[in-house]
Amino acid sequence: MSTHEIQIPKLGMDTTDCEVIALLVKVGDRVEKGAELLEVETEKANVAIEAPVSGVVIEIRVQAGDRVEVGAYVGSIEA
């Protein structure tokens, strides 16, 4: 098995950070590639962050209300 990081992707040319507004999964949940994991808000839009792989969520490092940088490691999935 391998572990894959969940990261906040580049969300726009000028966007450097975002706010986590909702966690859609919890540790132990099984997810499919492309499933929505969390929702973040930038100055311009709300964006769903999707699972990079299918597997089990083994770590979540953020909570609703947290501000996070683009590229930040926010959790992991064991494939």
N, C-alpha and C. Protein backbone atom coordinates (compact mmCIF):
# COMPACT_ATOMS: atom_id res chain seq x y z
N MET A 1 0.84 -1.18 0.00
CA MET A 1 0.00 0.00 0.00
C MET A 1 0.88 1.24 0.00
N SER A 2 0.35 2.31 -0.56
CA SER A 2 1.11 3.55 -0.59
C SER A 2 0.26 4.69 -0.06
N THR A 3 0.93 5.69 0.47
CA THR A 3 0.26 6.85 1.04
C THR A 3 0.40 8.02 0.08
N HIS A 4 -0.71 8.71 -0.14
CA HIS A 4 -0.74 9.87 -1.04
C HIS A 4 -1.20 11.10 -0.27
N GLU A 5 -0.46 12.19 -0.43
CA GLU A 5 -0.80 13.44 0.24
C GLU A 5 -2.00 14.11 -0.41
N ILE A 6 -2.79 14.76 0.40
CA ILE A 6 -3.86 15.63 -0.08
C ILE A 6 -3.32 17.04 0.07
N GLN A 7 -3.26 17.77 -1.04
CA GLN A 7 -2.72 19.12 -1.01
C GLN A 7 -3.73 20.10 -1.59
N ILE A 8 -3.61 21.35 -1.17
CA ILE A 8 -4.43 22.41 -1.75
C ILE A 8 -3.79 22.79 -3.08
N PRO A 9 -4.52 22.62 -4.19
CA PRO A 9 -3.94 22.93 -5.50
C PRO A 9 -3.92 24.43 -5.77
N LYS A 10 -3.19 24.81 -6.79
CA LYS A 10 -3.20 26.21 -7.23
C LYS A 10 -4.63 26.51 -7.67
N LEU A 11 -5.23 27.54 -7.09
CA LEU A 11 -6.64 27.83 -7.31
C LEU A 11 -6.89 29.05 -8.18
N GLY A 12 -5.85 29.73 -8.56
CA GLY A 12 -5.97 30.91 -9.41
C GLY A 12 -4.62 31.59 -9.47
N MET A 13 -4.46 32.46 -10.43
CA MET A 13 -3.15 33.09 -10.63
C MET A 13 -2.68 33.88 -9.41
N ASP A 14 -3.59 34.58 -8.75
CA ASP A 14 -3.21 35.44 -7.63
C ASP A 14 -3.56 34.86 -6.27
N THR A 15 -4.16 33.68 -6.24
CA THR A 15 -4.59 33.09 -4.97
C THR A 15 -3.42 32.46 -4.25
N THR A 16 -3.20 32.88 -3.00
CA THR A 16 -2.09 32.34 -2.21
C THR A 16 -2.58 31.51 -1.03
N ASP A 17 -3.85 31.73 -0.64
CA ASP A 17 -4.40 30.96 0.47
C ASP A 17 -5.92 30.86 0.32
N CYS A 18 -6.52 30.06 1.19
CA CYS A 18 -7.97 29.87 1.16
C CYS A 18 -8.43 29.49 2.55
N GLU A 19 -9.75 29.48 2.75
CA GLU A 19 -10.32 29.08 4.03
C GLU A 19 -11.06 27.77 3.85
N VAL A 20 -10.82 26.83 4.74
CA VAL A 20 -11.56 25.57 4.74
C VAL A 20 -12.96 25.87 5.27
N ILE A 21 -13.99 25.57 4.46
CA ILE A 21 -15.34 25.85 4.93
C ILE A 21 -16.12 24.59 5.29
N ALA A 22 -15.68 23.43 4.79
CA ALA A 22 -16.37 22.19 5.14
C ALA A 22 -15.47 20.98 4.91
N LEU A 23 -15.47 20.07 5.87
CA LEU A 23 -14.83 18.76 5.70
C LEU A 23 -15.92 17.79 5.28
N LEU A 24 -15.73 17.09 4.18
CA LEU A 24 -16.75 16.21 3.64
C LEU A 24 -16.48 14.74 3.93
N VAL A 25 -15.32 14.45 4.52
CA VAL A 25 -14.95 13.08 4.90
C VAL A 25 -14.31 13.12 6.28
N LYS A 26 -14.15 11.94 6.87
CA LYS A 26 -13.44 11.83 8.14
C LYS A 26 -12.42 10.70 8.04
N VAL A 27 -11.50 10.66 8.98
CA VAL A 27 -10.50 9.60 9.01
C VAL A 27 -11.22 8.26 9.07
N GLY A 28 -10.76 7.33 8.23
CA GLY A 28 -11.37 6.00 8.16
C GLY A 28 -12.33 5.83 7.00
N ASP A 29 -12.77 6.94 6.40
CA ASP A 29 -13.69 6.85 5.26
C ASP A 29 -12.97 6.31 4.03
N ARG A 30 -13.64 5.46 3.29
CA ARG A 30 -13.15 4.98 2.00
C ARG A 30 -13.64 5.95 0.94
N VAL A 31 -12.74 6.39 0.06
CA VAL A 31 -13.08 7.34 -1.00
C VAL A 31 -12.61 6.82 -2.34
N GLU A 32 -13.27 7.26 -3.38
CA GLU A 32 -12.87 6.95 -4.75
C GLU A 32 -12.13 8.15 -5.33
N LYS A 33 -11.23 7.91 -6.25
CA LYS A 33 -10.51 9.00 -6.92
C LYS A 33 -11.53 9.98 -7.47
N GLY A 34 -11.32 11.26 -7.21
CA GLY A 34 -12.21 12.31 -7.68
C GLY A 34 -13.32 12.67 -6.71
N ALA A 35 -13.48 11.90 -5.63
CA ALA A 35 -14.50 12.22 -4.62
C ALA A 35 -14.13 13.53 -3.93
N GLU A 36 -15.14 14.31 -3.57
CA GLU A 36 -14.89 15.57 -2.88
C GLU A 36 -14.53 15.30 -1.42
N LEU A 37 -13.40 15.88 -0.98
CA LEU A 37 -12.90 15.67 0.37
C LEU A 37 -13.18 16.85 1.29
N LEU A 38 -12.98 18.04 0.77
CA LEU A 38 -13.24 19.25 1.54
C LEU A 38 -13.58 20.38 0.60
N GLU A 39 -14.19 21.39 1.16
CA GLU A 39 -14.56 22.55 0.37
C GLU A 39 -13.81 23.75 0.94
N VAL A 40 -13.22 24.53 0.04
CA VAL A 40 -12.48 25.72 0.44
C VAL A 40 -13.06 26.94 -0.27
N GLU A 41 -12.80 28.08 0.33
CA GLU A 41 -13.29 29.34 -0.22
C GLU A 41 -12.11 30.27 -0.48
N THR A 42 -12.06 30.81 -1.68
CA THR A 42 -11.07 31.83 -2.02
C THR A 42 -11.81 33.16 -2.10
N GLU A 43 -11.11 34.21 -2.46
CA GLU A 43 -11.75 35.51 -2.61
C GLU A 43 -12.80 35.49 -3.72
N LYS A 44 -12.64 34.58 -4.67
CA LYS A 44 -13.51 34.58 -5.85
C LYS A 44 -14.50 33.43 -5.94
N ALA A 45 -14.23 32.30 -5.28
CA ALA A 45 -15.11 31.14 -5.48
C ALA A 45 -14.95 30.11 -4.37
N ASN A 46 -15.95 29.23 -4.29
CA ASN A 46 -15.84 28.03 -3.46
C ASN A 46 -15.37 26.90 -4.36
N VAL A 47 -14.44 26.08 -3.85
CA VAL A 47 -13.85 25.01 -4.65
C VAL A 47 -13.82 23.73 -3.83
N ALA A 48 -14.20 22.62 -4.44
CA ALA A 48 -14.10 21.31 -3.80
C ALA A 48 -12.73 20.71 -4.10
N ILE A 49 -12.06 20.22 -3.07
CA ILE A 49 -10.77 19.55 -3.23
C ILE A 49 -11.08 18.06 -3.35
N GLU A 50 -10.57 17.44 -4.41
CA GLU A 50 -10.90 16.04 -4.70
C GLU A 50 -9.78 15.08 -4.32
N ALA A 51 -10.18 13.83 -4.10
CA ALA A 51 -9.22 12.77 -3.77
C ALA A 51 -8.32 12.50 -4.98
N PRO A 52 -6.99 12.48 -4.77
CA PRO A 52 -6.08 12.20 -5.87
C PRO A 52 -6.04 10.72 -6.27
N VAL A 53 -6.48 9.85 -5.35
CA VAL A 53 -6.49 8.40 -5.57
C VAL A 53 -7.65 7.79 -4.79
N SER A 54 -8.00 6.56 -5.12
CA SER A 54 -8.97 5.81 -4.32
C SER A 54 -8.25 5.20 -3.13
N GLY A 55 -8.92 5.13 -1.99
CA GLY A 55 -8.31 4.53 -0.80
C GLY A 55 -9.05 4.94 0.45
N VAL A 56 -8.33 4.88 1.58
CA VAL A 56 -8.89 5.20 2.89
C VAL A 56 -8.22 6.46 3.43
N VAL A 57 -9.02 7.41 3.89
CA VAL A 57 -8.49 8.63 4.50
C VAL A 57 -7.84 8.24 5.82
N ILE A 58 -6.53 8.52 5.95
CA ILE A 58 -5.82 8.15 7.18
C ILE A 58 -5.40 9.36 8.01
N GLU A 59 -5.52 10.56 7.43
CA GLU A 59 -5.14 11.76 8.18
C GLU A 59 -5.85 12.97 7.61
N ILE A 60 -6.32 13.83 8.49
CA ILE A 60 -6.85 15.14 8.11
C ILE A 60 -6.20 16.14 9.05
N ARG A 61 -5.52 17.13 8.49
CA ARG A 61 -4.76 18.08 9.30
C ARG A 61 -5.43 19.44 9.43
N VAL A 62 -6.63 19.62 8.90
CA VAL A 62 -7.31 20.92 8.95
C VAL A 62 -8.71 20.76 9.53
N GLN A 63 -9.28 21.89 9.90
CA GLN A 63 -10.64 21.94 10.39
C GLN A 63 -11.35 23.08 9.68
N ALA A 64 -12.68 23.03 9.68
CA ALA A 64 -13.45 24.14 9.12
C ALA A 64 -13.04 25.42 9.84
N GLY A 65 -12.83 26.46 9.06
CA GLY A 65 -12.41 27.75 9.60
C GLY A 65 -10.92 28.02 9.48
N ASP A 66 -10.12 26.98 9.23
CA ASP A 66 -8.68 27.15 9.07
C ASP A 66 -8.36 27.87 7.77
N ARG A 67 -7.36 28.76 7.81
CA ARG A 67 -6.81 29.35 6.58
C ARG A 67 -5.56 28.54 6.23
N VAL A 68 -5.46 28.16 4.96
CA VAL A 68 -4.32 27.35 4.53
C VAL A 68 -3.73 27.93 3.25
N GLU A 69 -2.44 27.73 3.11
CA GLU A 69 -1.71 28.20 1.94
C GLU A 69 -1.94 27.25 0.76
N VAL A 70 -1.90 27.78 -0.44
CA VAL A 70 -1.92 26.95 -1.64
C VAL A 70 -0.69 26.05 -1.57
N GLY A 71 -0.86 24.77 -1.86
CA GLY A 71 0.22 23.80 -1.79
C GLY A 71 0.35 23.12 -0.44
N ALA A 72 -0.42 23.58 0.54
CA ALA A 72 -0.34 22.99 1.88
C ALA A 72 -0.79 21.55 1.89
N TYR A 73 -0.13 20.76 2.71
CA TYR A 73 -0.45 19.36 2.94
C TYR A 73 -1.55 19.34 3.98
N VAL A 74 -2.74 18.84 3.62
CA VAL A 74 -3.89 18.89 4.53
C VAL A 74 -4.37 17.52 4.97
N GLY A 75 -3.76 16.47 4.48
CA GLY A 75 -4.16 15.12 4.89
C GLY A 75 -3.52 14.07 4.00
N SER A 76 -3.95 12.82 4.20
CA SER A 76 -3.40 11.75 3.37
C SER A 76 -4.40 10.61 3.21
N ILE A 77 -4.19 9.88 2.12
CA ILE A 77 -5.01 8.72 1.77
C ILE A 77 -4.09 7.55 1.55
N GLU A 78 -4.45 6.39 2.12
CA GLU A 78 -3.70 5.17 1.87
C GLU A 78 -4.40 4.42 0.76
N ALA A 79 -3.69 4.24 -0.36
CA ALA A 79 -4.27 3.59 -1.53
C ALA A 79 -4.16 2.08 -1.41
